[in-house]
């Protein structure tokens, strides 16, 4: 049974890459960040393959750094990254969130007077 994780991630500064693999499968690679608070950012390298990824990219790409994504990931694994360890995973579902959705959901609710 695969390990699953899901949550809100933010597109990193490096541009997404796309390619058609030797077997003809479309592949989208994104660097995203799991922002867990001050000094608690975890980098992820995620890949999404297949026609669903291609259709999503055609409708939503290219992405701006900081764009919020709701991701469902399969088999996240820690790997050595270029500067710090990063998590590698396969995307099973992706949804682009509205630009202000991430900020609005992270702010505490206003207290009643």
Foldseek 3Di string as FASTA:
>chain_A
DWDKDKDKKWFAQDWWDWDQDPVRKIKIWTWIWDDPDDVDIAIEIEMEIHDVVVVCCVVDDDDHGGFMKIWMWIHWDWDQDPPHIHTYTYTPDIDGDPRCPVVVVPDDDDDDD
